[in-house]
C-alpha cells in the first residue's frame, strides 16, 4: 500500500518536514535531531528529504520561518480584536500561550537556536522574531500610556522585557515538569499580576 505522503506536493512536503521537526523537538533535545531521524519519522529516505532542503540548516531555517509567520500572525489577529491596549496585551499573551500549548516543540527550537554559538540564518531569524514581537508589545504599551490606561512613568522596554520573561518563565517551568501544556493553567494568574503592575491607578 502506498502512503498518502507519496503524493504530497513540494510545498506540502516542506511543511510536513517542518511539522515533523517540531514534533521531534517536543520529545528530545533539538540539537540531537538528525536528518536521518526526520526522514525516518516521515517515512521517507534522506535522499527524498534533501530534494526539498539542501542541508539541515535549511530545514532549521524553514522551521524558524514557519514559527515566525504563524506566531506573529496569530498575535496580530488577537490584538486586532481589542480596542483597549491593555486588553490587547492580554490577548497577545493568551495567543502566545495557546500557540506554545499547541506546538510544544516551538520553545525548545527557539531556545536551542538562540543558544547556538555560531550565527546561523535560523538563529538570526529567531532573534528577528523576538525583536518584531517586542516592537508590537512596545507599541501597545506606548498607546496604553498615552490613553492613560497604563502608568505614565512605566518604562516601555522594561515592561516588554517583563512580558516576554513571563512567557519564557512559564515555558521553563513546564519543561522542567515535563508538560508544556500545563502553562495554560498557570498563565491567567501570571498575567493578572503583570496587569496590576502596569495598570494606571484608578
C-alpha atoms as a PDB file:
ATOM      1  CA  UNK A   1       0.000   0.000   0.000  1.00  0.00           C
ATOM      2  CA  UNK A   2       1.366   3.417  -0.996  1.00  0.00           C
ATOM      3  CA  UNK A   3       1.145   6.049   1.754  1.00  0.00           C
ATOM      4  CA  UNK A   4      -0.516   9.414   1.221  1.00  0.00           C
ATOM      5  CA  UNK A   5       2.865  11.078   1.786  1.00  0.00           C
ATOM      6  CA  UNK A   6       3.960   9.804  -1.628  1.00  0.00           C
ATOM      7  CA  UNK A   7       1.515  12.226  -3.236  1.00  0.00           C
ATOM      8  CA  UNK A   8       2.453  15.392  -1.330  1.00  0.00           C
ATOM      9  CA  UNK A   9       3.376  18.447  -3.381  1.00  0.00           C
ATOM     10  CA  UNK A  10       6.768  20.085  -2.833  1.00  0.00           C
ATOM     11  CA  UNK A  11       5.207  22.750  -0.585  1.00  0.00           C
ATOM     12  CA  UNK A  12       3.231  20.162   1.381  1.00  0.00           C
ATOM     13  CA  UNK A  13       6.383  18.088   1.794  1.00  0.00           C
ATOM     14  CA  UNK A  14       8.272  21.105   3.126  1.00  0.00           C
ATOM     15  CA  UNK A  15       5.520  21.881   5.619  1.00  0.00           C
ATOM     16  CA  UNK A  16       5.309  18.237   6.675  1.00  0.00           C
ATOM     17  CA  UNK A  17       9.068  18.328   7.311  1.00  0.00           C
ATOM     18  CA  UNK A  18       8.738  21.432   9.488  1.00  0.00           C
ATOM     19  CA  UNK A  19       5.924  19.863  11.494  1.00  0.00           C
ATOM     20  CA  UNK A  20       7.967  16.680  11.907  1.00  0.00           C
ATOM     21  CA  UNK A  21      10.936  18.638  13.268  1.00  0.00           C
ATOM     22  CA  UNK A  22       8.670  20.412  15.765  1.00  0.00           C
ATOM     23  CA  UNK A  23       7.172  17.080  16.824  1.00  0.00           C
ATOM     24  CA  UNK A  24      10.653  15.666  17.392  1.00  0.00           C
ATOM     25  CA  UNK A  25      11.728  18.823  19.251  1.00  0.00           C
ATOM     26  CA  UNK A  26       8.851  18.316  21.669  1.00  0.00           C
ATOM     27  CA  UNK A  27      10.290  14.882  22.527  1.00  0.00           C
ATOM     28  CA  UNK A  28      14.052  15.454  22.609  1.00  0.00           C
ATOM     29  CA  UNK A  29      16.866  17.984  22.567  1.00  0.00           C
ATOM     30  CA  UNK A  30      16.565  19.803  19.198  1.00  0.00           C
ATOM     31  CA  UNK A  31      20.348  19.725  18.711  1.00  0.00           C
ATOM     32  CA  UNK A  32      20.157  15.918  18.675  1.00  0.00           C
ATOM     33  CA  UNK A  33      17.650  15.806  15.805  1.00  0.00           C
ATOM     34  CA  UNK A  34      19.309  14.362  12.706  1.00  0.00           C
ATOM     35  CA  UNK A  35      18.120  14.374   9.114  1.00  0.00           C
ATOM     36  CA  UNK A  36      18.002  10.589   9.409  1.00  0.00           C
ATOM     37  CA  UNK A  37      15.565  10.849  12.332  1.00  0.00           C
ATOM     38  CA  UNK A  38      13.426  13.361  10.420  1.00  0.00           C
ATOM     39  CA  UNK A  39      13.291  11.131   7.347  1.00  0.00           C
ATOM     40  CA  UNK A  40      12.501   8.049   9.437  1.00  0.00           C
ATOM     41  CA  UNK A  41       9.619   9.796  11.221  1.00  0.00           C
ATOM     42  CA  UNK A  42       8.225  10.940   7.870  1.00  0.00           C
ATOM     43  CA  UNK A  43       8.619   7.523   6.289  1.00  0.00           C
ATOM     44  CA  UNK A  44      10.919   8.760   3.505  1.00  0.00           C
ATOM     45  CA  UNK A  45      14.586   8.416   2.607  1.00  0.00           C
ATOM     46  CA  UNK A  46      17.158  11.085   3.400  1.00  0.00           C
ATOM     47  CA  UNK A  47      17.594  11.478  -0.345  1.00  0.00           C
ATOM     48  CA  UNK A  48      13.918  12.407  -0.661  1.00  0.00           C
ATOM     49  CA  UNK A  49      14.323  14.905   2.178  1.00  0.00           C
ATOM     50  CA  UNK A  50      17.316  16.570   0.529  1.00  0.00           C
ATOM     51  CA  UNK A  51      15.367  17.055  -2.686  1.00  0.00           C
ATOM     52  CA  UNK A  52      13.442  19.755  -0.812  1.00  0.00           C
ATOM     53  CA  UNK A  53      16.175  21.021   1.541  1.00  0.00           C
ATOM     54  CA  UNK A  54      19.872  21.275   0.631  1.00  0.00           C
ATOM     55  CA  UNK A  55      21.021  20.886   4.257  1.00  0.00           C
ATOM     56  CA  UNK A  56      19.940  20.507   7.860  1.00  0.00           C
ATOM     57  CA  UNK A  57      20.477  24.245   8.360  1.00  0.00           C
ATOM     58  CA  UNK A  58      17.990  24.886   5.551  1.00  0.00           C
ATOM     59  CA  UNK A  59      15.464  22.732   7.391  1.00  0.00           C
ATOM     60  CA  UNK A  60      16.014  24.689  10.612  1.00  0.00           C
ATOM     61  CA  UNK A  61      15.633  27.933   8.680  1.00  0.00           C
ATOM     62  CA  UNK A  62      12.305  26.713   7.297  1.00  0.00           C
ATOM     63  CA  UNK A  63      11.202  25.830  10.830  1.00  0.00           C
ATOM     64  CA  UNK A  64      12.004  29.349  12.055  1.00  0.00           C
ATOM     65  CA  UNK A  65      10.144  30.853   9.072  1.00  0.00           C
ATOM     66  CA  UNK A  66       7.112  28.707   9.888  1.00  0.00           C
ATOM     67  CA  UNK A  67       7.179  29.645  13.574  1.00  0.00           C
ATOM     68  CA  UNK A  68       7.685  33.369  12.938  1.00  0.00           C
ATOM     69  CA  UNK A  69       4.950  33.647  10.352  1.00  0.00           C
ATOM     70  CA  UNK A  70       2.346  31.738  12.310  1.00  0.00           C
ATOM     71  CA  UNK A  71       3.107  33.142  15.761  1.00  0.00           C
ATOM     72  CA  UNK A  72       3.159  36.787  14.653  1.00  0.00           C
ATOM     73  CA  UNK A  73       0.043  36.301  12.504  1.00  0.00           C
ATOM     74  CA  UNK A  74      -1.800  34.803  15.452  1.00  0.00           C
ATOM     75  CA  UNK A  75      -0.702  37.619  17.757  1.00  0.00           C
ATOM     76  CA  UNK A  76      -1.656  40.293  15.216  1.00  0.00           C
ATOM     77  CA  UNK A  77      -5.081  38.692  14.820  1.00  0.00           C
ATOM     78  CA  UNK A  78      -5.593  38.597  18.589  1.00  0.00           C
ATOM     79  CA  UNK A  79      -4.516  42.230  19.008  1.00  0.00           C
ATOM     80  CA  UNK A  80      -6.799  43.419  16.198  1.00  0.00           C
ATOM     81  CA  UNK A  81      -9.921  42.298  18.068  1.00  0.00           C
ATOM     82  CA  UNK A  82      -9.270  44.634  21.035  1.00  0.00           C
ATOM     83  CA  UNK A  83      -9.710  48.400  21.316  1.00  0.00           C
ATOM     84  CA  UNK A  84      -8.002  48.701  24.700  1.00  0.00           C
ATOM     85  CA  UNK A  85      -4.154  48.480  24.665  1.00  0.00           C
ATOM     86  CA  UNK A  86      -4.185  46.594  27.965  1.00  0.00           C
ATOM     87  CA  UNK A  87      -6.754  44.106  26.681  1.00  0.00           C
ATOM     88  CA  UNK A  88      -4.680  43.771  23.510  1.00  0.00           C
ATOM     89  CA  UNK A  89      -1.623  42.902  25.602  1.00  0.00           C
ATOM     90  CA  UNK A  90      -3.602  40.201  27.368  1.00  0.00           C
ATOM     91  CA  UNK A  91      -4.892  38.898  24.035  1.00  0.00           C
ATOM     92  CA  UNK A  92      -1.326  38.732  22.693  1.00  0.00           C
ATOM     93  CA  UNK A  93      -0.167  36.889  25.810  1.00  0.00           C
ATOM     94  CA  UNK A  94      -3.031  34.399  25.598  1.00  0.00           C
ATOM     95  CA  UNK A  95      -2.457  33.826  21.885  1.00  0.00           C
ATOM     96  CA  UNK A  96       1.225  33.144  22.534  1.00  0.00           C
ATOM     97  CA  UNK A  97       0.427  30.693  25.330  1.00  0.00           C
ATOM     98  CA  UNK A  98      -2.087  28.848  23.161  1.00  0.00           C
ATOM     99  CA  UNK A  99       0.419  28.645  20.304  1.00  0.00           C
ATOM    100  CA  UNK A 100       3.037  27.102  22.584  1.00  0.00           C
ATOM    101  CA  UNK A 101       0.488  24.675  24.024  1.00  0.00           C
ATOM    102  CA  UNK A 102      -0.412  23.518  20.531  1.00  0.00           C
ATOM    103  CA  UNK A 103       3.221  23.332  19.392  1.00  0.00           C
ATOM    104  CA  UNK A 104       5.361  22.358  22.418  1.00  0.00           C
ATOM    105  CA  UNK A 105       8.408  21.878  20.211  1.00  0.00           C
ATOM    106  CA  UNK A 106       8.494  25.595  19.361  1.00  0.00           C
ATOM    107  CA  UNK A 107      10.068  26.934  22.589  1.00  0.00           C
ATOM    108  CA  UNK A 108      12.634  24.144  22.531  1.00  0.00           C
ATOM    109  CA  UNK A 109      13.596  25.101  18.983  1.00  0.00           C
ATOM    110  CA  UNK A 110      13.792  28.809  19.833  1.00  0.00           C
ATOM    111  CA  UNK A 111      15.901  28.233  22.933  1.00  0.00           C
ATOM    112  CA  UNK A 112      18.091  25.830  21.000  1.00  0.00           C
ATOM    113  CA  UNK A 113      18.767  28.284  18.179  1.00  0.00           C
ATOM    114  CA  UNK A 114      19.376  31.257  20.469  1.00  0.00           C
ATOM    115  CA  UNK A 115      21.919  29.241  22.468  1.00  0.00           C
ATOM    116  CA  UNK A 116      23.997  28.286  19.428  1.00  0.00           C
ATOM    117  CA  UNK A 117      27.440  29.883  19.451  1.00  0.00           C
ATOM    118  CA  UNK A 118      27.576  30.326  15.679  1.00  0.00           C
ATOM    119  CA  UNK A 119      25.458  32.965  13.930  1.00  0.00           C
ATOM    120  CA  UNK A 120      23.308  30.816  11.633  1.00  0.00           C
ATOM    121  CA  UNK A 121      20.424  32.030   9.490  1.00  0.00           C
ATOM    122  CA  UNK A 122      17.989  30.169  11.753  1.00  0.00           C
ATOM    123  CA  UNK A 123      19.459  31.909  14.814  1.00  0.00           C
ATOM    124  CA  UNK A 124      19.173  35.318  13.136  1.00  0.00           C
ATOM    125  CA  UNK A 125      15.551  34.567  12.305  1.00  0.00           C
ATOM    126  CA  UNK A 126      14.848  33.622  15.922  1.00  0.00           C
ATOM    127  CA  UNK A 127      16.410  36.911  17.033  1.00  0.00           C
ATOM    128  CA  UNK A 128      14.329  38.822  14.475  1.00  0.00           C
ATOM    129  CA  UNK A 129      11.189  37.113  15.719  1.00  0.00           C
ATOM    130  CA  UNK A 130      11.871  38.251  19.280  1.00  0.00           C
ATOM    131  CA  UNK A 131      12.610  41.768  18.034  1.00  0.00           C
ATOM    132  CA  UNK A 132       9.403  42.002  15.955  1.00  0.00           C
ATOM    133  CA  UNK A 133       7.380  40.639  18.849  1.00  0.00           C
ATOM    134  CA  UNK A 134       8.923  43.191  21.211  1.00  0.00           C
ATOM    135  CA  UNK A 135       8.153  46.041  18.822  1.00  0.00           C
ATOM    136  CA  UNK A 136       4.481  45.075  18.755  1.00  0.00           C
ATOM    137  CA  UNK A 137       4.369  44.979  22.542  1.00  0.00           C
ATOM    138  CA  UNK A 138       6.209  48.291  22.779  1.00  0.00           C
ATOM    139  CA  UNK A 139       3.627  49.995  20.570  1.00  0.00           C
ATOM    140  CA  UNK A 140       0.770  48.687  22.695  1.00  0.00           C
ATOM    141  CA  UNK A 141       2.449  49.845  25.897  1.00  0.00           C
ATOM    142  CA  UNK A 142       3.093  53.305  24.409  1.00  0.00           C
ATOM    143  CA  UNK A 143      -0.563  53.522  23.335  1.00  0.00           C
ATOM    144  CA  UNK A 144      -1.661  52.464  26.816  1.00  0.00           C
ATOM    145  CA  UNK A 145       0.412  55.190  28.446  1.00  0.00           C
ATOM    146  CA  UNK A 146      -0.901  57.782  26.010  1.00  0.00           C
ATOM    147  CA  UNK A 147      -4.508  56.789  26.666  1.00  0.00           C
ATOM    148  CA  UNK A 148      -3.987  56.868  30.438  1.00  0.00           C
ATOM    149  CA  UNK A 149      -4.696  53.166  30.790  1.00  0.00           C
ATOM    150  CA  UNK A 150      -1.146  52.365  31.875  1.00  0.00           C
ATOM    151  CA  UNK A 151       1.062  54.016  34.482  1.00  0.00           C
ATOM    152  CA  UNK A 152       2.536  57.196  32.901  1.00  0.00           C
ATOM    153  CA  UNK A 153       6.004  56.534  34.352  1.00  0.00           C
ATOM    154  CA  UNK A 154       6.109  52.962  33.019  1.00  0.00           C
ATOM    155  CA  UNK A 155       9.422  52.251  31.260  1.00  0.00           C
ATOM    156  CA  UNK A 156       8.411  50.654  27.966  1.00  0.00           C
ATOM    157  CA  UNK A 157      11.497  48.482  27.349  1.00  0.00           C
ATOM    158  CA  UNK A 158      11.324  47.114  30.889  1.00  0.00           C
ATOM    159  CA  UNK A 159       7.635  46.325  30.509  1.00  0.00           C
ATOM    160  CA  UNK A 160       8.346  44.492  27.241  1.00  0.00           C
ATOM    161  CA  UNK A 161      11.200  42.534  28.832  1.00  0.00           C
ATOM    162  CA  UNK A 162       8.970  41.503  31.725  1.00  0.00           C
ATOM    163  CA  UNK A 163       6.175  40.485  29.330  1.00  0.00           C
ATOM    164  CA  UNK A 164       8.480  38.243  27.308  1.00  0.00           C
ATOM    165  CA  UNK A 165      10.052  36.954  30.525  1.00  0.00           C
ATOM    166  CA  UNK A 166       6.650  35.834  31.803  1.00  0.00           C
ATOM    167  CA  UNK A 167       6.196  33.563  28.824  1.00  0.00           C
ATOM    168  CA  UNK A 168       9.754  32.253  28.995  1.00  0.00           C
ATOM    169  CA  UNK A 169       9.417  31.565  32.714  1.00  0.00           C
ATOM    170  CA  UNK A 170       6.185  29.639  32.227  1.00  0.00           C
ATOM    171  CA  UNK A 171       7.781  27.637  29.430  1.00  0.00           C
ATOM    172  CA  UNK A 172      10.838  26.772  31.539  1.00  0.00           C
ATOM    173  CA  UNK A 173       8.660  25.633  34.452  1.00  0.00           C
ATOM    174  CA  UNK A 174       6.524  23.484  32.174  1.00  0.00           C
ATOM    175  CA  UNK A 175       9.611  21.951  30.528  1.00  0.00           C
ATOM    176  CA  UNK A 176      11.013  21.078  33.955  1.00  0.00           C
ATOM    177  CA  UNK A 177       7.686  19.474  34.811  1.00  0.00           C
ATOM    178  CA  UNK A 178       7.695  17.588  31.508  1.00  0.00           C
ATOM    179  CA  UNK A 179       4.382  19.024  30.330  1.00  0.00           C
ATOM    180  CA  UNK A 180       4.417  22.199  28.221  1.00  0.00           C
ATOM    181  CA  UNK A 181       0.625  22.275  28.019  1.00  0.00           C
ATOM    182  CA  UNK A 182       0.355  22.979  31.750  1.00  0.00           C
ATOM    183  CA  UNK A 183       1.172  26.632  31.020  1.00  0.00           C
ATOM    184  CA  UNK A 184      -2.496  27.108  30.137  1.00  0.00           C
ATOM    185  CA  UNK A 185      -3.318  26.582  33.816  1.00  0.00           C
ATOM    186  CA  UNK A 186      -0.706  28.970  35.204  1.00  0.00           C
ATOM    187  CA  UNK A 187      -0.905  31.718  32.584  1.00  0.00           C
ATOM    188  CA  UNK A 188      -4.063  33.624  33.676  1.00  0.00           C
ATOM    189  CA  UNK A 189      -2.820  34.321  37.209  1.00  0.00           C
ATOM    190  CA  UNK A 190       0.601  35.350  35.915  1.00  0.00           C
ATOM    191  CA  UNK A 191      -0.870  37.876  33.500  1.00  0.00           C
ATOM    192  CA  UNK A 192      -3.246  39.198  36.170  1.00  0.00           C
ATOM    193  CA  UNK A 193      -0.210  40.049  38.326  1.00  0.00           C
ATOM    194  CA  UNK A 194       1.530  41.714  35.360  1.00  0.00           C
ATOM    195  CA  UNK A 195      -1.620  43.673  34.562  1.00  0.00           C
ATOM    196  CA  UNK A 196      -1.849  45.047  38.092  1.00  0.00           C
ATOM    197  CA  UNK A 197       1.803  46.103  37.959  1.00  0.00           C
ATOM    198  CA  UNK A 198       1.433  48.250  34.816  1.00  0.00           C
ATOM    199  CA  UNK A 199      -2.158  49.464  35.035  1.00  0.00           C
ATOM    200  CA  UNK A 200      -2.706  53.100  35.966  1.00  0.00           C
ATOM    201  CA  UNK A 201      -4.189  53.734  39.410  1.00  0.00           C
ATOM    202  CA  UNK A 202      -7.923  54.314  39.351  1.00  0.00           C
END
